[in-house]
N, C-alpha and C. Protein backbone atom coordinates (compact mmCIF):
# COMPACT_ATOMS: atom_id res chain seq x y z
N MET A 1 -42.29 174.06 -0.18
CA MET A 1 -41.90 173.34 1.01
C MET A 1 -41.64 171.89 0.64
N ALA A 2 -40.47 171.41 0.98
CA ALA A 2 -40.11 170.02 0.69
C ALA A 2 -40.61 169.13 1.80
N SER A 3 -41.11 167.96 1.43
CA SER A 3 -41.52 167.00 2.45
C SER A 3 -40.94 165.65 2.10
N ASN A 4 -40.69 164.89 3.10
CA ASN A 4 -40.15 163.56 2.93
C ASN A 4 -41.28 162.57 3.15
N SER A 5 -41.76 161.93 2.10
CA SER A 5 -42.91 161.04 2.20
C SER A 5 -42.57 159.78 3.00
N ALA A 6 -41.29 159.47 3.21
CA ALA A 6 -40.90 158.30 4.00
C ALA A 6 -41.12 158.56 5.49
N ASP A 7 -41.21 159.81 5.89
CA ASP A 7 -41.41 160.13 7.31
C ASP A 7 -42.89 160.00 7.64
N ALA A 8 -43.18 159.20 8.65
CA ALA A 8 -44.56 159.06 9.09
C ALA A 8 -44.94 160.26 9.95
N PRO A 9 -46.22 160.58 10.01
CA PRO A 9 -46.64 161.66 10.91
C PRO A 9 -46.23 161.33 12.34
N ARG A 10 -45.93 162.36 13.08
CA ARG A 10 -45.52 162.15 14.47
C ARG A 10 -46.68 161.56 15.27
N LEU A 11 -46.31 160.71 16.20
CA LEU A 11 -47.30 160.14 17.11
C LEU A 11 -47.67 161.17 18.17
N PRO A 12 -48.89 161.11 18.67
CA PRO A 12 -49.24 161.95 19.82
C PRO A 12 -48.35 161.57 21.01
N PRO A 13 -48.13 162.49 21.94
CA PRO A 13 -47.23 162.22 23.07
C PRO A 13 -47.56 160.94 23.84
N LEU A 14 -48.84 160.66 24.11
CA LEU A 14 -49.19 159.45 24.85
C LEU A 14 -48.80 158.20 24.08
N ALA A 15 -49.01 158.20 22.77
CA ALA A 15 -48.62 157.05 21.95
C ALA A 15 -47.10 156.91 21.91
N GLN A 16 -46.37 158.03 21.85
CA GLN A 16 -44.91 157.97 21.89
C GLN A 16 -44.43 157.37 23.20
N ASP A 17 -45.03 157.82 24.30
CA ASP A 17 -44.66 157.30 25.61
C ASP A 17 -44.95 155.81 25.72
N ALA A 18 -46.08 155.38 25.18
CA ALA A 18 -46.44 153.96 25.21
C ALA A 18 -45.46 153.15 24.37
N ARG A 19 -45.15 153.66 23.18
CA ARG A 19 -44.17 152.97 22.32
C ARG A 19 -42.83 152.85 23.03
N ASP A 20 -42.38 153.92 23.68
CA ASP A 20 -41.12 153.91 24.40
C ASP A 20 -41.14 152.92 25.56
N ALA A 21 -42.27 152.85 26.27
CA ALA A 21 -42.41 151.91 27.39
C ALA A 21 -42.33 150.47 26.88
N LEU A 22 -42.99 150.18 25.77
CA LEU A 22 -42.93 148.83 25.20
C LEU A 22 -41.52 148.51 24.73
N SER A 23 -40.87 149.47 24.08
CA SER A 23 -39.51 149.26 23.59
C SER A 23 -38.54 148.98 24.74
N ALA A 24 -38.73 149.66 25.86
CA ALA A 24 -37.85 149.47 27.01
C ALA A 24 -38.10 148.14 27.71
N ALA A 25 -39.33 147.67 27.67
CA ALA A 25 -39.70 146.46 28.41
C ALA A 25 -39.53 145.16 27.63
N VAL A 26 -39.51 145.26 26.30
CA VAL A 26 -39.47 144.06 25.47
C VAL A 26 -38.15 144.02 24.70
N PRO A 27 -37.37 142.94 24.84
CA PRO A 27 -36.13 142.86 24.07
C PRO A 27 -36.37 142.92 22.57
N ALA A 28 -35.42 143.48 21.85
CA ALA A 28 -35.52 143.59 20.39
C ALA A 28 -35.81 142.23 19.77
N ASN A 29 -36.66 142.24 18.76
CA ASN A 29 -37.02 141.05 17.99
C ASN A 29 -37.75 139.98 18.78
N GLU A 30 -38.30 140.35 19.93
CA GLU A 30 -39.08 139.39 20.72
C GLU A 30 -40.56 139.72 20.58
N SER A 31 -41.38 138.71 20.38
CA SER A 31 -42.81 138.94 20.31
C SER A 31 -43.38 138.96 21.72
N PHE A 32 -44.56 139.56 21.86
CA PHE A 32 -45.21 139.63 23.16
C PHE A 32 -46.71 139.64 22.96
N SER A 33 -47.41 139.18 23.97
CA SER A 33 -48.86 139.06 23.89
C SER A 33 -49.53 140.40 24.17
N TYR A 34 -50.80 140.48 23.79
CA TYR A 34 -51.59 141.66 24.14
C TYR A 34 -51.64 141.81 25.65
N ASP A 35 -51.77 140.69 26.39
CA ASP A 35 -51.82 140.77 27.85
C ASP A 35 -50.55 141.38 28.42
N ARG A 36 -49.40 141.00 27.87
CA ARG A 36 -48.15 141.59 28.34
C ARG A 36 -48.11 143.08 28.02
N ALA A 37 -48.57 143.45 26.83
CA ALA A 37 -48.63 144.87 26.46
C ALA A 37 -49.53 145.63 27.42
N TYR A 38 -50.71 145.06 27.75
CA TYR A 38 -51.61 145.72 28.69
C TYR A 38 -50.93 145.91 30.04
N THR A 39 -50.21 144.89 30.50
CA THR A 39 -49.53 144.98 31.79
C THR A 39 -48.45 146.07 31.77
N ILE A 40 -47.65 146.09 30.72
CA ILE A 40 -46.59 147.10 30.60
C ILE A 40 -47.20 148.50 30.58
N LEU A 41 -48.24 148.68 29.78
CA LEU A 41 -48.84 150.01 29.66
C LEU A 41 -49.59 150.42 30.93
N ALA A 42 -50.14 149.46 31.66
CA ALA A 42 -50.79 149.78 32.93
C ALA A 42 -49.74 150.20 33.96
N GLU A 43 -48.63 149.46 34.02
CA GLU A 43 -47.60 149.75 35.02
C GLU A 43 -46.80 151.00 34.69
N GLU A 44 -46.44 151.18 33.43
CA GLU A 44 -45.55 152.27 33.06
C GLU A 44 -46.28 153.57 32.71
N GLU A 45 -47.48 153.46 32.14
CA GLU A 45 -48.20 154.64 31.67
C GLU A 45 -49.55 154.84 32.34
N ASP A 46 -49.89 153.95 33.29
CA ASP A 46 -51.15 154.04 34.02
C ASP A 46 -52.36 154.05 33.09
N LEU A 47 -52.32 153.18 32.07
CA LEU A 47 -53.42 153.10 31.10
C LEU A 47 -54.33 151.93 31.42
N SER A 48 -55.63 152.14 31.32
CA SER A 48 -56.60 151.06 31.44
C SER A 48 -56.53 150.22 30.16
N GLN A 49 -57.15 149.04 30.20
CA GLN A 49 -57.12 148.19 29.00
C GLN A 49 -57.77 148.85 27.80
N PRO A 50 -58.94 149.50 27.94
CA PRO A 50 -59.51 150.17 26.76
C PRO A 50 -58.59 151.26 26.19
N ALA A 51 -57.95 152.03 27.06
CA ALA A 51 -57.02 153.06 26.59
C ALA A 51 -55.81 152.42 25.92
N ALA A 52 -55.31 151.33 26.50
CA ALA A 52 -54.17 150.62 25.92
C ALA A 52 -54.55 150.05 24.56
N ASP A 53 -55.77 149.52 24.42
CA ASP A 53 -56.23 149.02 23.12
C ASP A 53 -56.17 150.11 22.06
N ASP A 54 -56.65 151.31 22.42
CA ASP A 54 -56.62 152.43 21.48
C ASP A 54 -55.20 152.77 21.07
N ILE A 55 -54.29 152.82 22.03
CA ILE A 55 -52.89 153.14 21.73
C ILE A 55 -52.25 152.04 20.89
N LEU A 56 -52.50 150.78 21.24
CA LEU A 56 -51.93 149.68 20.45
C LEU A 56 -52.44 149.72 19.02
N GLU A 57 -53.72 150.02 18.84
CA GLU A 57 -54.28 150.12 17.49
C GLU A 57 -53.58 151.24 16.71
N ARG A 58 -53.37 152.37 17.36
CA ARG A 58 -52.69 153.50 16.71
C ARG A 58 -51.26 153.11 16.32
N LEU A 59 -50.55 152.40 17.22
CA LEU A 59 -49.19 151.97 16.91
C LEU A 59 -49.17 150.95 15.77
N LEU A 60 -50.17 150.09 15.73
CA LEU A 60 -50.28 149.13 14.61
C LEU A 60 -50.53 149.87 13.30
N LEU A 61 -51.47 150.80 13.31
CA LEU A 61 -51.83 151.53 12.09
C LEU A 61 -50.69 152.42 11.58
N ARG A 62 -49.88 152.92 12.48
CA ARG A 62 -48.78 153.81 12.11
C ARG A 62 -47.48 153.06 11.81
N GLY A 63 -47.50 151.72 11.92
CA GLY A 63 -46.32 150.94 11.55
C GLY A 63 -45.27 150.81 12.63
N HIS A 64 -45.63 151.05 13.88
CA HIS A 64 -44.67 150.90 14.98
C HIS A 64 -44.75 149.52 15.61
N LEU A 65 -45.86 148.83 15.39
CA LEU A 65 -46.08 147.45 15.83
C LEU A 65 -46.63 146.66 14.66
N TYR A 66 -46.43 145.36 14.71
CA TYR A 66 -47.17 144.49 13.80
C TYR A 66 -47.57 143.25 14.57
N GLU A 67 -48.57 142.55 14.04
CA GLU A 67 -49.15 141.40 14.72
C GLU A 67 -49.03 140.18 13.83
N VAL A 68 -48.61 139.07 14.44
CA VAL A 68 -48.54 137.79 13.76
C VAL A 68 -49.09 136.73 14.71
N ASP A 69 -50.12 136.03 14.27
CA ASP A 69 -50.72 134.96 15.07
C ASP A 69 -51.05 135.40 16.50
N GLY A 70 -51.60 136.60 16.64
CA GLY A 70 -52.02 137.09 17.93
C GLY A 70 -50.92 137.63 18.82
N GLU A 71 -49.69 137.61 18.34
CA GLU A 71 -48.54 138.15 19.08
C GLU A 71 -48.11 139.46 18.44
N LEU A 72 -47.64 140.38 19.27
CA LEU A 72 -47.18 141.68 18.79
C LEU A 72 -45.66 141.71 18.69
N ARG A 73 -45.16 142.53 17.79
CA ARG A 73 -43.73 142.79 17.67
C ARG A 73 -43.54 144.26 17.37
N LEU A 74 -42.49 144.82 17.92
CA LEU A 74 -42.11 146.19 17.57
C LEU A 74 -41.38 146.17 16.24
N THR A 75 -41.66 147.14 15.41
CA THR A 75 -40.94 147.24 14.14
C THR A 75 -39.58 147.87 14.38
N GLU A 76 -38.72 147.81 13.37
CA GLU A 76 -37.41 148.44 13.48
C GLU A 76 -37.57 149.94 13.69
N ARG A 77 -38.60 150.54 13.08
CA ARG A 77 -38.85 151.97 13.26
C ARG A 77 -39.08 152.30 14.73
N ALA A 78 -39.86 151.48 15.41
CA ALA A 78 -40.14 151.72 16.83
C ALA A 78 -38.88 151.55 17.66
N GLN A 79 -38.08 150.54 17.35
CA GLN A 79 -36.86 150.30 18.11
C GLN A 79 -35.84 151.38 17.85
N ALA A 80 -35.77 151.90 16.63
CA ALA A 80 -34.81 152.95 16.29
C ALA A 80 -35.20 154.28 16.91
N SER A 81 -36.44 154.45 17.30
CA SER A 81 -36.91 155.71 17.87
C SER A 81 -36.57 155.88 19.33
N GLU A 82 -36.01 154.85 19.96
CA GLU A 82 -35.70 154.92 21.38
C GLU A 82 -34.71 156.01 21.69
């Protein structure tokens, strides 16, 4: 069986939905605060802050988000997945 090591494991459906909600709400190449992410995820996915924290951590660990100076950004991978 051939595998492509460049392909990351698929995100769980809730994380995919959260990534899609962030991608739709935040313009490409724009940074956003954790508070804005919490607001987007609460409004679009009905997630509490602790649940949003878990999803954001998963997106960070899987390379769909990155953090610089306390601000979040979507990676090109996340934007291309729309």
